[in-house]
Every structure is written in structure tokens, then in C-alpha cells.
Amino acid sequence: MSFLRRRSATPAGPDFDVLAMDPGDWPGNLGAGLLPAPDGSCQGVFLRYDLFGGRGPAMIIGNLPEGSPARETDEGEIPFEVAQLLLALENEEDVTVVGSEDVPVMQGDNLLIVRRLKLSESRISCVQFDRSDNVLVTIAAWDRPITDDLYALLKPLPAELFQQG
């Protein structure tokens, strides 16, 4: 993921709402990162949800707008959020996508078509879905399944929460 090395500018923040679990609903530590473009715009936001007590990362939720290089993966290549989760876990194992299936999931009154990715590392759960504004949401979790209950906790967090400066 060479685009991560080209950090010439720090983005001011996203120009889109971020679909994620509200920080108040997470019983642990939360960190956020912005993906910068060379022009200083924001090419994505990812949130890292850690467990209390230094027990490590539990989940990463990413929101990548259309045109973000982080969305571009080759056949079998893991999503950006899975790579970030592995990095946070200091896991250098070579993980690949070995399959996927589309499943319908209700989020409030909305029907989502969620793509469940099957990975070569069975302790990682990963799902992806597109929002109506063409932002790709990816959730990667370590050592726990992603259940329908999680989708009910996802809320649009205003872009202003992630503004810098």
C-alpha cells in the first residue's frame, strides 16, 4: 500500500459523514486516522477500537470515498482496514482473501447488501458495504464475529468530529 508512504500533507478532515460506532457506545479506547491525498484532501477515515487494559485492538472501521486509492485492491488482496488491524496486532502473517459472499442485513430501516470476506486468517472477520453516497465502509474485527447487532450500533458521525486545525 504505497499510497500510505506519500504523506506530503495532513488533511483538514473528511467532507463526508463517517459511519461508525459512536465513541460513547464503545467500552474501550478509540483512535482515528485520516488518509491524506497529495493535495491535502481526505481520502478516507479509519477508526481503531481497542479493548481496555492494554489488551489490544478489537476492530477497525474504515470509510473510503470513491476515488480513494485505499479502495483499490488486486484479486485476493486484503482490504486496507485488515492490513491496519494486522499492523496494530503486530501480526506479520501473509493474509489473503480466499472468498466472499453477499448477504442482506438490516440497519435500522435500511437494507444493506454486505459482502462478507473469508480470509486465510480465520481469526479476522471482515465485511464491506457501499453507502448511498458511494463511500465504502469496511469493518475488520479480531477474534470475534461481526454480528447483526453491530450494524444497529453504526451511526453517521459528523465530519466535523474529524476536522483538524
Protein backbone atom coordinates (compact mmCIF):
# COMPACT_ATOMS: atom_id res chain seq x y z
CA MET A 1 0.00 0.00 0.00
CA SER A 2 2.45 2.55 -1.25
CA PHE A 3 -0.01 5.44 -1.06
CA LEU A 4 0.44 5.46 2.74
CA ARG A 5 4.08 6.47 2.34
CA ARG A 6 3.28 9.68 0.43
CA ARG A 7 2.31 11.84 3.38
CA SER A 8 3.04 15.26 1.96
CA ALA A 9 0.06 16.99 3.57
CA THR A 10 -2.16 16.46 6.56
CA PRO A 11 -5.81 16.60 5.51
CA ALA A 12 -8.08 19.03 7.31
CA GLY A 13 -10.68 16.26 7.54
CA PRO A 14 -13.29 14.45 5.51
CA ASP A 15 -16.03 16.14 3.51
CA PHE A 16 -18.40 13.25 4.31
CA ASP A 17 -20.03 11.86 7.43
CA VAL A 18 -18.29 8.81 8.88
CA LEU A 19 -20.40 5.72 9.53
CA ALA A 20 -19.04 4.10 12.69
CA MET A 21 -19.85 3.09 16.22
CA ASP A 22 -20.38 6.13 18.42
CA PRO A 23 -17.40 6.57 20.77
CA GLY A 24 -19.85 6.66 23.69
CA ASP A 25 -21.08 3.16 22.79
CA TRP A 26 -17.59 1.61 22.88
CA PRO A 27 -16.34 0.39 26.26
CA GLY A 28 -12.67 0.85 25.41
CA ASN A 29 -10.16 3.19 23.78
CA LEU A 30 -10.72 4.77 20.38
CA GLY A 31 -8.32 6.27 17.87
CA ALA A 32 -8.95 7.81 14.45
CA GLY A 33 -6.75 8.28 11.41
CA LEU A 34 -7.11 10.28 8.21
CA LEU A 35 -5.72 9.21 4.83
CA PRO A 36 -4.21 12.25 3.09
CA ALA A 37 -4.13 12.95 -0.61
CA PRO A 38 -1.16 14.87 -2.10
CA ASP A 39 -3.44 17.92 -2.45
CA GLY A 40 -4.33 17.87 1.25
CA SER A 41 -7.83 16.44 0.82
CA CYS A 42 -9.03 13.45 2.83
CA GLN A 43 -9.14 10.09 1.04
CA GLY A 44 -10.58 8.19 3.95
CA VAL A 45 -11.09 7.85 7.67
CA PHE A 46 -10.45 4.79 9.81
CA LEU A 47 -11.27 4.26 13.46
CA ARG A 48 -9.45 1.81 15.70
CA TYR A 49 -11.39 0.41 18.62
CA ASP A 50 -9.11 -1.01 21.34
CA LEU A 51 -10.02 -3.02 24.40
CA PHE A 52 -9.43 -1.53 27.85
CA GLY A 53 -6.46 -2.66 29.88
CA GLY A 54 -3.97 -2.75 27.02
CA ARG A 55 -5.49 -5.95 25.66
CA GLY A 56 -5.03 -4.75 22.10
CA PRO A 57 -7.11 -3.78 19.11
CA ALA A 58 -10.53 -5.31 18.63
CA MET A 59 -11.84 -3.69 15.47
CA ILE A 60 -11.14 -1.18 12.71
CA ILE A 61 -13.89 0.59 10.78
CA GLY A 62 -12.93 2.44 7.60
CA ASN A 63 -14.86 4.88 5.42
CA LEU A 64 -13.26 5.34 2.00
CA PRO A 65 -14.84 7.69 -0.56
CA GLU A 66 -14.99 6.96 -4.25
CA GLY A 67 -11.58 7.53 -5.87
CA SER A 68 -9.56 6.69 -2.75
CA PRO A 69 -6.51 4.58 -3.68
CA ALA A 70 -7.06 2.55 -0.49
CA ARG A 71 -10.18 1.07 -2.13
CA GLU A 72 -8.16 -0.40 -4.99
CA THR A 73 -7.17 -3.99 -4.24
CA ASP A 74 -5.98 -6.77 -6.51
CA GLU A 75 -7.62 -10.20 -6.58
CA GLY A 76 -7.00 -11.89 -3.24
CA GLU A 77 -5.52 -8.75 -1.65
CA ILE A 78 -6.84 -7.80 1.79
CA PRO A 79 -8.69 -4.51 2.36
CA PHE A 80 -6.83 -1.55 3.85
CA GLU A 81 -8.61 -1.98 7.20
CA VAL A 82 -7.49 -5.60 7.55
CA ALA A 83 -3.90 -4.51 6.85
CA GLN A 84 -4.23 -1.82 9.55
CA LEU A 85 -5.62 -4.38 12.02
CA LEU A 86 -2.72 -6.75 11.33
CA LEU A 87 -0.27 -3.86 11.76
CA ALA A 88 -1.87 -2.90 15.11
CA LEU A 89 -1.65 -6.52 16.23
CA GLU A 90 2.00 -6.67 15.09
CA ASN A 91 1.00 -9.72 13.07
CA GLU A 92 3.25 -10.12 10.02
CA GLU A 93 1.45 -13.17 8.69
CA ASP A 94 0.64 -13.17 4.97
CA VAL A 95 -3.17 -12.94 4.86
CA THR A 96 -5.25 -13.15 1.70
CA VAL A 97 -8.91 -13.05 0.72
CA VAL A 98 -9.98 -16.59 -0.16
CA GLY A 99 -13.67 -15.98 -0.84
CA SER A 100 -16.68 -13.74 -0.33
CA GLU A 101 -20.45 -13.85 -0.16
CA ASP A 102 -23.11 -11.16 -0.33
CA VAL A 103 -25.73 -11.21 2.45
CA PRO A 104 -28.66 -8.88 3.18
CA VAL A 105 -28.54 -7.09 6.54
CA MET A 106 -30.96 -4.58 8.06
CA GLN A 107 -29.52 -1.39 9.53
CA GLY A 108 -32.47 0.44 11.03
CA ASP A 109 -34.92 0.82 8.16
CA ASN A 110 -32.24 0.35 5.51
CA LEU A 111 -31.37 -2.87 3.73
CA LEU A 112 -27.64 -3.28 3.21
CA ILE A 113 -26.04 -5.77 0.88
CA VAL A 114 -22.99 -6.74 2.90
CA ARG A 115 -20.02 -8.53 1.38
CA ARG A 116 -18.55 -10.94 3.94
CA LEU A 117 -14.92 -11.65 3.12
CA LYS A 118 -13.42 -15.00 4.02
CA LEU A 119 -9.74 -14.58 4.86
CA SER A 120 -6.88 -17.04 5.15
CA GLU A 121 -6.53 -15.93 8.81
CA SER A 122 -9.73 -17.29 10.37
CA ARG A 123 -9.45 -15.10 13.49
CA ILE A 124 -10.21 -12.00 11.38
CA SER A 125 -13.81 -11.20 10.44
CA CYS A 126 -14.31 -8.68 7.66
CA VAL A 127 -17.37 -7.15 5.97
CA GLN A 128 -17.81 -4.38 3.42
CA PHE A 129 -20.75 -2.41 2.09
CA ASP A 130 -21.30 0.68 -0.04
CA ARG A 131 -23.22 3.64 1.30
CA SER A 132 -25.67 5.58 -0.87
CA ASP A 133 -23.05 8.37 -1.24
CA ASN A 134 -20.50 5.87 -2.68
CA VAL A 135 -18.39 5.69 0.48
CA LEU A 136 -17.14 2.14 1.07
CA VAL A 137 -17.43 1.02 4.70
CA THR A 138 -15.19 -1.85 5.82
CA ILE A 139 -15.23 -3.43 9.26
CA ALA A 140 -12.39 -5.72 10.33
CA ALA A 141 -12.54 -7.44 13.72
CA TRP A 142 -10.03 -9.60 15.56
CA ASP A 143 -11.06 -12.85 17.19
CA ARG A 144 -14.79 -12.08 17.28
CA PRO A 145 -17.55 -12.40 14.69
CA ILE A 146 -19.29 -9.39 13.17
CA THR A 147 -22.96 -9.85 14.06
CA ASP A 148 -26.15 -8.04 13.07
CA ASP A 149 -26.07 -6.28 16.46
CA LEU A 150 -23.04 -4.29 15.32
CA TYR A 151 -24.89 -2.82 12.32
CA ALA A 152 -27.53 -1.44 14.71
CA LEU A 153 -24.77 0.44 16.57
CA LEU A 154 -23.39 2.14 13.43
CA LYS A 155 -24.26 5.83 13.25
CA PRO A 156 -23.25 8.66 10.95
CA LEU A 157 -20.72 10.72 12.86
CA PRO A 158 -20.45 14.29 11.52
CA ALA A 159 -17.36 15.17 9.51
CA GLU A 160 -16.65 17.99 11.99
CA LEU A 161 -15.63 15.39 14.62
CA PHE A 162 -12.64 14.56 12.43
CA GLN A 163 -11.60 18.10 11.41
CA GLN A 164 -8.06 19.13 12.31
CA GLY A 165 -6.68 22.55 12.93
